[in-house]
Amino acid sequence: LMAGDGPQTKVHALKNNYFNDAFFFKALGTTGVGENANENPKPYGASLPGTIFKFSWADLDNKERTQIGVQNPTSGHFALGLPYIFFGLGRTNSYIEKFECGFWNTKAKRTKEWLRVIPNAQV
């Protein structure tokens, strides 16, 4: 980058602090329709709106971080979002310590919990 004019011109260097070791986490809650099908590959069902995801992990400073998100929190009056939820974990040297998924309706509360999930793994 050059700034100035004539003999007053100065050259500046900029350093890009882009880290390519940042992790992301993508979760999808489905209806489970077709779990017992004999097809190959098996259908996994449709996206289930209202699924709640919560997970916690430790960052590089060993501070516990927690994020919560809801799948498809939109209605017919707004633009539709993605059928899954996408979280940015940032830089971490560890795994996701606790991952919870839940769906509540008027009849029942259904939850599932996974411990020690590695980022970029498929559960």
Foldseek 3Di string as FASTA:
>chain_A
DWDDDDPPIDDDDDDDPDDPQWFKAKDFDAPQPQVPPPDVPTDRHATDFFKKKKWWDAAPVRDIDIDIDTAFPDDPVDDTDDSIDMGTPTHHPAFTAKMKIWDDDPPDIDMDMDGRHHTPDDD
